[in-house]
C-alpha cells in the first residue's frame, strides 16, 4: 500500500510539473507581428523568397507526428523568418539534393534558403528544384 501511495504521489508531482512547464512556456510561433514584409526585390520567382541569416532555433517536435521541422533564422536585412522543412516528404522533395539536414542544424549556424511562401509566411524550400537550404557557416 505504501509503495502504491508513493507511486501515485510521484506521478501527481510529475504531472503537475509538466503542466506548470507547458502552461508557463507555451509553444509560440509569432509571425507577421513586427516582422518586415516581403519587398519586391526579395522575390526570387513568383511566390518564392530567398533569405540568409543565423539560426536562432530549431523545433523538431512536429516532425515526430509527420509535421515539418521549423527553423527560425534572424537575418540582418529581413528580420525573423521561419523555414518549414518537410520531415516525412523529404524523399519526394524536388530540392532534396540541395537540402541541408534540418535535424543537424544548430543555433548559431549561418544558412541561406530559397523556397515557396507557405502558410503564415513560412518558407518551404521543397517545391522546386531551384529551392535550397544551405549551411554557409556552421556555429
N, C-alpha and C. Protein backbone atom coordinates (compact mmCIF):
# COMPACT_ATOMS: atom_id res chain seq x y z
N UNK A 1 0.82 -1.18 0.00
CA UNK A 1 0.00 0.00 0.00
C UNK A 1 0.87 1.26 0.00
N UNK A 2 1.95 1.23 0.79
CA UNK A 2 2.85 2.38 0.86
C UNK A 2 3.50 2.66 -0.49
N UNK A 3 3.93 1.61 -1.18
CA UNK A 3 4.58 1.78 -2.48
C UNK A 3 3.59 2.35 -3.50
N UNK A 4 2.35 1.92 -3.44
CA UNK A 4 1.33 2.43 -4.35
C UNK A 4 1.07 3.90 -4.08
N UNK A 5 0.98 4.27 -2.84
CA UNK A 5 0.75 5.67 -2.47
C UNK A 5 1.91 6.54 -2.90
N UNK A 6 3.12 6.08 -2.71
CA UNK A 6 4.30 6.84 -3.12
C UNK A 6 4.32 6.99 -4.64
N UNK A 7 3.98 5.92 -5.37
CA UNK A 7 3.96 5.98 -6.83
C UNK A 7 2.91 6.97 -7.32
N UNK A 8 1.75 7.00 -6.68
CA UNK A 8 0.70 7.95 -7.06
C UNK A 8 1.14 9.38 -6.78
N UNK A 9 1.79 9.62 -5.66
CA UNK A 9 2.27 10.96 -5.31
C UNK A 9 3.34 11.41 -6.31
N UNK A 10 4.25 10.53 -6.65
CA UNK A 10 5.30 10.88 -7.62
C UNK A 10 4.68 11.18 -8.97
N UNK A 11 3.74 10.36 -9.41
CA UNK A 11 3.06 10.59 -10.68
C UNK A 11 2.33 11.93 -10.68
N UNK A 12 1.67 12.26 -9.58
CA UNK A 12 0.97 13.54 -9.48
C UNK A 12 1.95 14.71 -9.54
N UNK A 13 3.10 14.58 -8.88
CA UNK A 13 4.10 15.65 -8.91
C UNK A 13 4.68 15.83 -10.32
N UNK A 14 4.93 14.74 -11.01
CA UNK A 14 5.44 14.83 -12.37
C UNK A 14 4.40 15.49 -13.27
N UNK A 15 3.14 15.08 -13.14
CA UNK A 15 2.08 15.68 -13.96
C UNK A 15 1.94 17.17 -13.65
N UNK A 16 2.01 17.54 -12.39
CA UNK A 16 1.91 18.96 -12.02
C UNK A 16 3.09 19.75 -12.57
N UNK A 17 4.28 19.16 -12.53
CA UNK A 17 5.45 19.83 -13.08
C UNK A 17 5.35 20.03 -14.57
N UNK A 18 4.89 19.00 -15.28
CA UNK A 18 4.71 19.13 -16.72
C UNK A 18 3.65 20.18 -17.05
N UNK A 19 2.57 20.17 -16.31
CA UNK A 19 1.52 21.16 -16.55
C UNK A 19 2.06 22.58 -16.33
N UNK A 20 2.84 22.76 -15.28
CA UNK A 20 3.41 24.08 -14.99
C UNK A 20 4.34 24.54 -16.11
N UNK A 21 5.21 23.64 -16.55
CA UNK A 21 6.16 24.00 -17.61
C UNK A 21 5.42 24.31 -18.90
N UNK A 22 4.45 23.48 -19.26
CA UNK A 22 3.75 23.67 -20.53
C UNK A 22 2.86 24.91 -20.54
N UNK A 23 2.33 25.29 -19.40
CA UNK A 23 1.49 26.49 -19.38
C UNK A 23 2.33 27.75 -19.21
N UNK A 24 3.48 27.63 -18.56
CA UNK A 24 4.34 28.81 -18.39
C UNK A 24 5.11 29.13 -19.67
N UNK A 25 5.49 28.11 -20.42
CA UNK A 25 6.26 28.29 -21.64
C UNK A 25 5.52 27.66 -22.82
N UNK A 26 4.39 28.23 -23.23
CA UNK A 26 3.65 27.64 -24.35
C UNK A 26 4.43 27.77 -25.64
N UNK A 27 4.22 26.83 -26.51
CA UNK A 27 4.87 26.85 -27.82
C UNK A 27 4.25 27.97 -28.63
N UNK A 28 5.09 28.90 -29.06
CA UNK A 28 4.59 30.05 -29.82
C UNK A 28 5.45 30.26 -31.04
N UNK A 29 4.78 30.48 -32.15
CA UNK A 29 5.47 30.92 -33.37
C UNK A 29 4.80 32.22 -33.74
N UNK A 30 5.48 33.32 -33.49
CA UNK A 30 4.91 34.62 -33.78
C UNK A 30 5.34 35.03 -35.18
N UNK A 31 4.36 35.17 -36.04
CA UNK A 31 4.64 35.52 -37.41
C UNK A 31 3.89 36.78 -37.78
N UNK A 32 4.46 37.56 -38.64
CA UNK A 32 3.83 38.75 -39.18
C UNK A 32 3.54 39.82 -38.13
N UNK A 33 4.10 39.70 -36.95
CA UNK A 33 3.94 40.75 -35.95
C UNK A 33 5.31 41.37 -35.74
N UNK A 34 5.53 42.48 -36.37
CA UNK A 34 6.81 43.15 -36.26
C UNK A 34 7.84 42.66 -37.25
N UNK A 35 7.54 41.58 -37.96
CA UNK A 35 8.47 41.09 -38.97
C UNK A 35 8.30 41.91 -40.24
N UNK A 36 9.37 42.22 -40.91
CA UNK A 36 9.25 43.01 -42.12
C UNK A 36 8.48 42.27 -43.21
N UNK A 37 7.75 43.01 -43.99
CA UNK A 37 7.02 42.42 -45.10
C UNK A 37 7.98 42.18 -46.26
N UNK A 38 7.63 41.23 -47.10
CA UNK A 38 8.49 40.89 -48.22
C UNK A 38 8.44 42.00 -49.27
N UNK A 39 9.58 42.55 -49.56
CA UNK A 39 9.68 43.59 -50.57
C UNK A 39 9.80 42.93 -51.95
N UNK A 40 9.46 43.63 -53.02
CA UNK A 40 9.54 43.03 -54.36
C UNK A 40 10.91 42.47 -54.70
N UNK A 41 11.98 43.10 -54.22
CA UNK A 41 13.32 42.60 -54.55
C UNK A 41 13.64 41.29 -53.82
N UNK A 42 12.83 40.93 -52.80
CA UNK A 42 13.04 39.68 -52.10
C UNK A 42 12.49 38.49 -52.86
N UNK A 43 11.66 38.73 -53.82
CA UNK A 43 11.05 37.64 -54.57
C UNK A 43 12.06 37.09 -55.58
N UNK A 44 12.22 35.80 -55.56
CA UNK A 44 13.14 35.16 -56.48
C UNK A 44 12.37 34.70 -57.70
N UNK A 45 11.26 34.08 -57.51
CA UNK A 45 10.32 33.71 -58.57
C UNK A 45 8.94 33.98 -57.99
N UNK A 46 7.95 33.88 -58.80
CA UNK A 46 6.61 34.15 -58.33
C UNK A 46 6.29 33.29 -57.10
N UNK A 47 6.10 33.93 -55.97
CA UNK A 47 5.78 33.21 -54.74
C UNK A 47 6.97 32.66 -53.99
N UNK A 48 8.19 32.89 -54.47
CA UNK A 48 9.39 32.41 -53.79
C UNK A 48 10.04 33.53 -52.97
N UNK A 49 10.82 33.10 -51.99
CA UNK A 49 11.56 34.05 -51.17
C UNK A 49 12.93 33.46 -50.87
N UNK A 50 13.96 34.31 -50.94
CA UNK A 50 15.32 33.90 -50.60
C UNK A 50 15.80 34.76 -49.43
N UNK A 51 16.34 34.09 -48.42
CA UNK A 51 16.79 34.78 -47.20
C UNK A 51 18.04 34.08 -46.70
N UNK A 52 18.92 34.83 -46.07
CA UNK A 52 20.05 34.23 -45.38
C UNK A 52 20.11 34.82 -43.99
N UNK A 53 20.58 34.03 -43.03
CA UNK A 53 20.66 34.53 -41.66
C UNK A 53 21.16 33.47 -40.71
N UNK A 54 21.16 33.83 -39.44
CA UNK A 54 21.66 32.98 -38.38
C UNK A 54 20.51 32.20 -37.75
N UNK A 55 20.70 30.91 -37.60
CA UNK A 55 19.68 30.07 -36.96
C UNK A 55 19.58 30.46 -35.49
N UNK A 56 18.34 30.74 -35.06
CA UNK A 56 18.14 31.05 -33.64
C UNK A 56 17.40 29.94 -32.92
N UNK A 57 16.68 29.08 -33.67
CA UNK A 57 16.05 27.92 -33.03
C UNK A 57 15.69 26.89 -34.09
N UNK A 58 15.66 25.63 -33.64
CA UNK A 58 15.23 24.52 -34.48
C UNK A 58 14.23 23.72 -33.66
N UNK A 59 13.00 23.64 -34.14
CA UNK A 59 11.95 22.91 -33.43
C UNK A 59 11.63 21.64 -34.20
N UNK A 60 11.86 20.49 -33.56
CA UNK A 60 11.64 19.20 -34.21
C UNK A 60 10.41 18.47 -33.68
N UNK A 61 9.70 19.06 -32.75
CA UNK A 61 8.57 18.37 -32.12
C UNK A 61 7.51 17.95 -33.14
N UNK A 62 7.18 18.80 -34.08
CA UNK A 62 6.14 18.47 -35.06
C UNK A 62 6.59 17.34 -35.99
N UNK A 63 7.88 17.18 -36.19
CA UNK A 63 8.39 16.13 -37.06
C UNK A 63 8.07 14.75 -36.51
N UNK A 64 7.87 14.64 -35.22
CA UNK A 64 7.55 13.36 -34.60
C UNK A 64 6.16 12.87 -35.01
N UNK A 65 5.33 13.78 -35.49
CA UNK A 65 3.99 13.41 -35.96
C UNK A 65 3.82 13.82 -37.42
N UNK A 66 4.88 13.64 -38.20
CA UNK A 66 4.91 13.89 -39.64
C UNK A 66 4.79 15.36 -40.02
N UNK A 67 4.99 16.26 -39.10
CA UNK A 67 4.96 17.69 -39.40
C UNK A 67 6.34 18.19 -39.81
N UNK A 68 6.45 19.47 -40.09
CA UNK A 68 7.75 20.00 -40.53
C UNK A 68 8.69 20.29 -39.36
N UNK A 69 9.96 20.35 -39.70
CA UNK A 69 10.97 20.89 -38.78
C UNK A 69 10.93 22.39 -38.99
N UNK A 70 10.76 23.15 -37.92
CA UNK A 70 10.68 24.60 -38.03
C UNK A 70 12.01 25.21 -37.62
N UNK A 71 12.66 25.86 -38.58
CA UNK A 71 13.95 26.51 -38.35
C UNK A 71 13.71 28.02 -38.39
N UNK A 72 13.99 28.68 -37.29
CA UNK A 72 13.82 30.13 -37.21
C UNK A 72 15.18 30.78 -37.37
N UNK A 73 15.25 31.73 -38.32
CA UNK A 73 16.52 32.42 -38.55
C UNK A 73 16.32 33.92 -38.36
N UNK A 74 17.41 34.58 -38.06
CA UNK A 74 17.42 36.03 -37.94
C UNK A 74 18.35 36.58 -39.01
N UNK A 75 17.77 37.36 -39.91
CA UNK A 75 18.53 37.97 -40.99
C UNK A 75 18.75 39.43 -40.66
N UNK A 76 19.93 39.94 -40.95
CA UNK A 76 20.21 41.35 -40.68
C UNK A 76 19.32 42.27 -41.50
N UNK A 77 18.94 41.83 -42.69
CA UNK A 77 18.14 42.69 -43.57
C UNK A 77 16.66 42.34 -43.56
N UNK A 78 16.31 41.08 -43.27
CA UNK A 78 14.93 40.62 -43.37
C UNK A 78 14.22 40.51 -42.03
N UNK A 79 14.95 40.47 -40.95
CA UNK A 79 14.33 40.22 -39.66
C UNK A 79 14.21 38.72 -39.43
N UNK A 80 13.10 38.30 -38.79
CA UNK A 80 12.91 36.89 -38.48
C UNK A 80 12.16 36.20 -39.61
N UNK A 81 12.63 35.00 -39.95
CA UNK A 81 11.96 34.17 -40.96
C UNK A 81 11.89 32.75 -40.41
N UNK A 82 10.79 32.08 -40.70
CA UNK A 82 10.62 30.69 -40.27
C UNK A 82 10.63 29.80 -41.50
N UNK A 83 11.47 28.77 -41.45
CA UNK A 83 11.60 27.81 -42.55
C UNK A 83 10.92 26.52 -42.11
N UNK A 84 10.01 26.01 -42.93
CA UNK A 84 9.31 24.76 -42.64
C UNK A 84 9.86 23.67 -43.55
N UNK A 85 10.69 22.80 -43.01
CA UNK A 85 11.31 21.73 -43.78
C UNK A 85 10.48 20.46 -43.58
N UNK A 86 9.91 19.91 -44.65
CA UNK A 86 9.10 18.70 -44.51
C UNK A 86 9.95 17.57 -43.93
N UNK A 87 9.38 16.83 -43.00
CA UNK A 87 10.14 15.73 -42.39
C UNK A 87 9.87 14.41 -43.10
N UNK A 88 8.63 14.08 -43.32
CA UNK A 88 8.30 12.80 -43.93
C UNK A 88 8.37 12.84 -45.46
N UNK A 89 8.10 14.00 -46.06
CA UNK A 89 8.07 14.07 -47.51
C UNK A 89 9.40 14.42 -48.14
N UNK A 90 10.47 14.44 -47.37
CA UNK A 90 11.77 14.84 -47.90
C UNK A 90 12.24 13.96 -49.06
N UNK A 91 12.00 12.65 -49.06
CA UNK A 91 12.44 11.86 -50.22
C UNK A 91 11.75 12.28 -51.52
N UNK A 92 10.57 12.86 -51.44
CA UNK A 92 9.88 13.29 -52.66
C UNK A 92 10.05 14.79 -52.90
N UNK A 93 10.85 15.43 -52.08
CA UNK A 93 11.10 16.87 -52.21
C UNK A 93 11.86 17.14 -53.50
N UNK A 94 11.40 18.11 -54.27
CA UNK A 94 12.05 18.45 -55.54
C UNK A 94 13.48 18.95 -55.34
N UNK A 95 13.76 19.54 -54.19
CA UNK A 95 15.09 20.12 -53.93
C UNK A 95 15.92 19.26 -52.97
N UNK A 96 15.60 17.98 -52.84
CA UNK A 96 16.26 17.14 -51.83
C UNK A 96 17.79 17.12 -51.96
N UNK A 97 18.31 17.31 -53.16
CA UNK A 97 19.76 17.32 -53.33
C UNK A 97 20.39 18.63 -52.87
N UNK A 98 19.57 19.64 -52.63
CA UNK A 98 20.06 20.95 -52.20
C UNK A 98 19.61 21.29 -50.78
N UNK A 99 19.30 20.26 -50.00
CA UNK A 99 18.76 20.49 -48.67
C UNK A 99 19.74 20.04 -47.59
N UNK A 100 20.05 20.95 -46.69
CA UNK A 100 20.84 20.58 -45.51
C UNK A 100 19.95 19.75 -44.59
N UNK A 101 20.56 18.94 -43.76
CA UNK A 101 19.82 18.13 -42.80
C UNK A 101 19.28 19.05 -41.71
N UNK A 102 17.97 19.27 -41.71
CA UNK A 102 17.36 20.20 -40.74
C UNK A 102 17.56 19.72 -39.31
N UNK A 103 17.62 18.40 -39.10
CA UNK A 103 17.81 17.87 -37.76
C UNK A 103 19.22 18.15 -37.24
N UNK A 104 20.17 18.40 -38.13
CA UNK A 104 21.55 18.66 -37.72
C UNK A 104 21.83 20.15 -37.52
N UNK A 105 20.88 21.01 -37.92
CA UNK A 105 21.08 22.46 -37.74
C UNK A 105 21.09 22.82 -36.26
N UNK A 106 21.91 23.81 -35.93
CA UNK A 106 22.01 24.26 -34.54
C UNK A 106 21.97 25.78 -34.50
N UNK A 107 21.56 26.31 -33.36
CA UNK A 107 21.58 27.75 -33.17
C UNK A 107 23.00 28.24 -33.41
N UNK A 108 23.10 29.32 -34.17
CA UNK A 108 24.40 29.89 -34.49
C UNK A 108 24.86 29.58 -35.91
N UNK A 109 24.30 28.52 -36.52
CA UNK A 109 24.64 28.22 -37.92
C UNK A 109 24.15 29.36 -38.80
N UNK A 110 24.93 29.70 -39.83
CA UNK A 110 24.51 30.70 -40.80
C UNK A 110 24.03 29.95 -42.03
N UNK A 111 22.78 30.18 -42.42
CA UNK A 111 22.18 29.44 -43.53
C UNK A 111 21.62 30.40 -44.57
N UNK A 112 21.40 29.85 -45.76
CA UNK A 112 20.64 30.57 -46.77
C UNK A 112 19.59 29.61 -47.30
N UNK A 113 18.44 30.19 -47.63
CA UNK A 113 17.30 29.39 -48.04
C UNK A 113 16.56 30.07 -49.18
N UNK A 114 16.01 29.28 -50.05
CA UNK A 114 15.08 29.76 -51.07
C UNK A 114 13.93 28.78 -51.09
N UNK A 115 12.72 29.32 -51.05
CA UNK A 115 11.56 28.44 -51.06
C UNK A 115 10.28 29.18 -51.34
N UNK A 116 9.21 28.41 -51.44
CA UNK A 116 7.88 28.97 -51.63
C UNK A 116 7.39 29.55 -50.31
N UNK A 117 6.53 30.53 -50.42
CA UNK A 117 5.94 31.11 -49.22
C UNK A 117 4.68 30.32 -48.91
N UNK A 118 4.66 29.70 -47.73
CA UNK A 118 3.54 28.87 -47.33
C UNK A 118 2.65 29.57 -46.32
N UNK A 119 1.94 28.74 -45.58
CA UNK A 119 1.03 29.26 -44.56
C UNK A 119 1.78 30.15 -43.57
N UNK A 120 1.14 31.20 -43.18
CA UNK A 120 1.66 32.12 -42.17
C UNK A 120 3.03 32.69 -42.54
N UNK A 121 3.33 32.73 -43.83
CA UNK A 121 4.58 33.34 -44.28
C UNK A 121 5.81 32.49 -44.14
N UNK A 122 5.64 31.21 -43.77
CA UNK A 122 6.80 30.33 -43.63
C UNK A 122 7.39 30.03 -45.00
N UNK A 123 8.70 29.83 -45.04
CA UNK A 123 9.40 29.50 -46.28
C UNK A 123 9.51 27.98 -46.36
N UNK A 124 9.04 27.41 -47.48
CA UNK A 124 9.08 25.96 -47.67
C UNK A 124 10.05 25.67 -48.82
N UNK A 125 11.25 25.19 -48.51
CA UNK A 125 12.28 25.01 -49.53
C UNK A 125 12.23 23.63 -50.20
N UNK A 126 11.09 23.28 -50.77
CA UNK A 126 10.96 21.92 -51.26
C UNK A 126 10.12 21.80 -52.52
N UNK A 127 9.54 22.86 -52.98
CA UNK A 127 8.55 22.78 -54.04
C UNK A 127 9.14 22.84 -55.46
N UNK A 128 10.40 23.19 -55.58
CA UNK A 128 11.03 23.37 -56.89
C UNK A 128 12.49 22.95 -56.81
N UNK A 129 13.06 22.54 -57.94
CA UNK A 129 14.48 22.18 -57.94
C UNK A 129 15.36 23.40 -57.72
N UNK A 130 14.79 24.60 -57.88
CA UNK A 130 15.55 25.83 -57.64
C UNK A 130 15.62 26.18 -56.15
N UNK A 131 14.88 25.48 -55.32
CA UNK A 131 14.88 25.75 -53.88
C UNK A 131 16.08 25.10 -53.21
N UNK A 132 16.43 25.60 -52.02
CA UNK A 132 17.56 25.04 -51.29
C UNK A 132 17.53 25.49 -49.84
N UNK A 133 18.27 24.77 -49.03
CA UNK A 133 18.59 25.15 -47.65
C UNK A 133 20.04 24.76 -47.46
N UNK A 134 20.91 25.75 -47.32
CA UNK A 134 22.35 25.51 -47.26
C UNK A 134 22.93 26.08 -45.98
N UNK A 135 23.87 25.34 -45.41
CA UNK A 135 24.64 25.84 -44.27
C UNK A 135 25.88 26.50 -44.86
N UNK A 136 26.00 27.81 -44.65
CA UNK A 136 27.14 28.56 -45.16
C UNK A 136 28.29 28.53 -44.16
N UNK A 137 27.96 28.71 -42.88
CA UNK A 137 28.98 28.69 -41.83
C UNK A 137 28.38 28.02 -40.60
N UNK A 138 28.92 26.85 -40.22
CA UNK A 138 28.42 26.19 -39.01
C UNK A 138 28.80 26.99 -37.78
N UNK A 139 28.04 26.77 -36.72
CA UNK A 139 28.31 27.51 -35.46
C UNK A 139 29.56 27.00 -34.80
